[in-house]
Amino acid sequence: MLSSLNVIEDAEYTFHAAFQDHQYKVYMVLRPHVKEFLQAMAKIYELFVYTCAKKEYAEKILEILDPQRKLFRHRLYQDDCACVLGHYIKDLSILGRDLKKTVVLDNAPHTYPYNLLNTIPIKSWSGESDDRELQKLIPYMEKLSAAEDFREVLKKRKDHVHRLLSED
């Protein structure tokens, strides 16, 4: 999803949001394959949203992504984050779920310093219509769901990527 206070000519959605006591019009475009991805994941995972965004803003986006409130079981916002030296930190222990069976997709994995082994970094999206990042993740996420401990699988993946990068 791409949202901006600047006009996006081909915006699929617009909504109004308050920031610091001012009303702004927000323009939004959904990342390609996001709905397909979320529907596929909701069949095999309990989905949470955990964002550093303010609740009022995030809820506007979630109304578009999950209008019937059937995809995301729980929603956590900026108030659910810890603020450390001016940076918002997310701690998965707040979910009360087994961390062996918990995985995070995030374009800012540094916001999970206590749970790095649970994260799959995803590239930020800047509006390319041919983006297939989410679509390509579906088979990987389906396979991951069968693992005994997600962190072991994700650690091997990170070690492999690290080795590839250090060979350059």
Protein backbone atom coordinates (compact mmCIF):
# COMPACT_ATOMS: atom_id res chain seq x y z
CA MET A 1 0.00 0.00 0.00
CA LEU A 2 1.19 3.47 -0.81
CA SER A 3 -0.39 6.45 0.90
CA SER A 4 0.44 10.12 0.65
CA LEU A 5 -0.85 13.55 1.55
CA ASN A 6 0.29 14.63 -1.91
CA VAL A 7 -2.07 13.99 -4.77
CA ILE A 8 -1.63 10.57 -6.38
CA GLU A 9 -3.30 10.87 -9.78
CA ASP A 10 -4.35 7.22 -10.03
CA ALA A 11 -5.26 6.81 -6.36
CA GLU A 12 -7.65 3.92 -5.81
CA TYR A 13 -8.86 5.33 -2.49
CA THR A 14 -8.99 8.62 -0.65
CA PHE A 15 -9.94 9.35 2.94
CA HIS A 16 -9.59 12.12 5.47
CA ALA A 17 -7.35 11.77 8.50
CA ALA A 18 -6.39 14.11 11.32
CA PHE A 19 -2.72 14.82 12.04
CA GLN A 20 -1.85 17.23 14.82
CA ASP A 21 -5.36 18.74 14.88
CA HIS A 22 -5.51 19.30 11.10
CA GLN A 23 -7.64 17.36 8.63
CA TYR A 24 -5.81 16.06 5.57
CA LYS A 25 -6.92 14.20 2.50
CA VAL A 26 -4.94 10.98 2.09
CA TYR A 27 -4.46 9.32 -1.30
CA MET A 28 -3.88 5.58 -1.39
CA VAL A 29 -2.95 2.88 -3.90
CA LEU A 30 -2.93 -0.78 -2.93
CA ARG A 31 0.20 -2.81 -3.56
CA PRO A 32 -0.39 -5.33 -6.36
CA HIS A 33 -1.65 -8.71 -5.10
CA VAL A 34 -2.21 -7.48 -1.51
CA LYS A 35 -5.80 -8.75 -1.34
CA GLU A 36 -4.84 -12.12 -2.86
CA PHE A 37 -1.96 -12.38 -0.38
CA LEU A 38 -4.07 -11.50 2.66
CA GLN A 39 -6.84 -13.93 1.72
CA ALA A 40 -4.32 -16.76 1.20
CA MET A 41 -2.60 -16.01 4.51
CA ALA A 42 -5.85 -15.76 6.47
CA LYS A 43 -6.56 -19.40 5.54
CA ILE A 44 -3.38 -20.67 7.22
CA TYR A 45 -2.35 -18.01 9.77
CA GLU A 46 -4.00 -15.96 12.48
CA LEU A 47 -3.39 -12.47 11.10
CA PHE A 48 -2.51 -9.45 13.21
CA VAL A 49 -1.77 -5.88 12.22
CA TYR A 50 0.98 -4.34 14.31
CA THR A 51 1.81 -0.84 13.17
CA CYS A 52 3.63 2.20 14.50
CA ALA A 53 0.89 4.33 12.93
CA LYS A 54 -1.74 6.08 15.01
CA LYS A 55 -4.94 4.07 15.42
CA GLU A 56 -7.21 6.60 13.68
CA TYR A 57 -5.06 6.60 10.53
CA ALA A 58 -4.42 2.85 10.47
CA GLU A 59 -8.12 2.09 10.92
CA LYS A 60 -8.96 4.04 7.76
CA ILE A 61 -6.57 1.82 5.80
CA LEU A 62 -7.84 -1.34 7.48
CA GLU A 63 -11.43 -0.40 6.57
CA ILE A 64 -10.28 -0.66 2.94
CA LEU A 65 -8.17 -3.82 3.33
CA ASP A 66 -10.56 -5.67 5.65
CA PRO A 67 -14.01 -4.03 5.47
CA GLN A 68 -15.83 -7.00 7.06
CA ARG A 69 -13.11 -7.38 9.74
CA LYS A 70 -12.61 -11.03 8.78
CA LEU A 71 -8.91 -11.05 7.84
CA PHE A 72 -7.18 -9.49 10.84
CA ARG A 73 -7.95 -11.11 14.17
CA HIS A 74 -6.24 -8.37 16.19
CA ARG A 75 -5.03 -4.87 15.52
CA LEU A 76 -2.20 -3.17 17.38
CA TYR A 77 -1.18 0.46 16.88
CA GLN A 78 1.30 3.10 17.98
CA ASP A 79 -0.08 2.99 21.53
CA ASP A 80 0.88 -0.71 21.68
CA CYS A 81 4.52 0.08 20.81
CA ALA A 82 7.26 1.12 23.21
CA CYS A 83 8.96 4.41 22.40
CA VAL A 84 12.72 4.07 22.94
CA LEU A 85 14.87 7.13 22.25
CA GLY A 86 12.18 8.48 19.93
CA HIS A 87 11.80 5.24 17.95
CA TYR A 88 8.79 2.96 18.12
CA ILE A 89 9.59 -0.64 19.03
CA LYS A 90 7.24 -3.60 18.58
CA ASP A 91 7.48 -6.57 20.94
CA LEU A 92 5.74 -9.74 19.78
CA SER A 93 5.37 -11.01 23.35
CA ILE A 94 2.41 -8.60 23.63
CA LEU A 95 0.49 -10.96 21.33
CA GLY A 96 0.54 -13.78 23.86
CA ARG A 97 1.27 -16.31 21.11
CA ASP A 98 3.92 -19.02 20.78
CA LEU A 99 6.88 -17.28 19.13
CA LYS A 100 7.91 -20.58 17.49
CA LYS A 101 4.74 -20.20 15.40
CA THR A 102 4.85 -16.41 14.89
CA VAL A 103 6.20 -14.63 11.82
CA VAL A 104 6.29 -10.95 10.93
CA LEU A 105 6.37 -9.41 7.46
CA ASP A 106 7.60 -5.85 7.69
CA ASN A 107 9.44 -3.29 5.60
CA ALA A 108 11.00 -2.04 8.84
CA PRO A 109 12.28 -5.18 10.62
CA HIS A 110 14.41 -2.99 12.91
CA THR A 111 11.19 -2.14 14.76
CA TYR A 112 11.26 -5.71 16.16
CA PRO A 113 14.69 -5.73 17.89
CA TYR A 114 13.59 -8.41 20.37
CA ASN A 115 12.15 -10.65 17.65
CA LEU A 116 14.52 -10.44 14.70
CA LEU A 117 14.40 -14.21 14.17
CA ASN A 118 10.64 -13.95 13.65
CA THR A 119 10.84 -11.38 10.86
CA ILE A 120 10.80 -11.59 7.11
CA PRO A 121 11.90 -8.24 5.71
CA ILE A 122 9.81 -7.12 2.77
CA LYS A 123 10.87 -4.40 0.35
CA SER A 124 8.99 -1.13 0.60
CA TRP A 125 6.75 -0.50 -2.35
CA SER A 126 6.89 2.81 -4.20
CA GLY A 127 4.07 2.34 -6.69
CA GLU A 128 5.36 0.01 -9.42
CA SER A 129 2.35 -1.69 -11.01
CA ASP A 130 4.37 -4.79 -11.95
CA ASP A 131 5.41 -5.53 -8.34
CA ARG A 132 5.03 -9.24 -7.49
CA GLU A 133 6.68 -9.33 -4.06
CA LEU A 134 3.54 -10.40 -2.18
CA GLN A 135 2.50 -12.90 -4.83
CA LYS A 136 5.95 -14.52 -4.73
CA LEU A 137 5.76 -14.82 -0.93
CA ILE A 138 2.57 -16.92 -0.91
CA PRO A 139 4.21 -20.34 -1.61
CA TYR A 140 7.04 -19.59 0.85
CA MET A 141 4.59 -18.61 3.59
CA GLU A 142 2.47 -21.71 2.91
CA LYS A 143 5.55 -23.93 3.31
CA LEU A 144 6.69 -22.05 6.43
CA SER A 145 3.33 -22.69 8.11
CA ALA A 146 4.18 -26.42 8.34
CA ALA A 147 7.46 -25.84 10.21
CA GLU A 148 7.78 -26.85 13.85
CA ASP A 149 9.66 -23.63 14.71
CA PHE A 150 9.42 -20.75 12.22
CA ARG A 151 12.51 -19.13 13.73
CA GLU A 152 14.73 -22.08 12.76
CA VAL A 153 13.58 -21.84 9.13
CA LEU A 154 13.94 -18.06 9.07
CA LYS A 155 17.40 -18.22 10.66
CA LYS A 156 18.59 -20.60 7.90
CA ARG A 157 17.18 -18.24 5.30
CA LYS A 158 18.94 -15.24 6.85
CA ASP A 159 22.22 -17.18 7.12
CA HIS A 160 21.94 -18.13 3.44
CA VAL A 161 21.25 -14.53 2.38
CA HIS A 162 24.13 -13.30 4.57
CA ARG A 163 26.53 -15.82 2.95
CA LEU A 164 25.41 -14.72 -0.53
CA LEU A 165 25.97 -11.06 0.34
CA SER A 166 29.41 -11.68 1.86
CA GLU A 167 30.57 -13.49 -1.30
CA ASP A 168 30.31 -10.27 -3.32
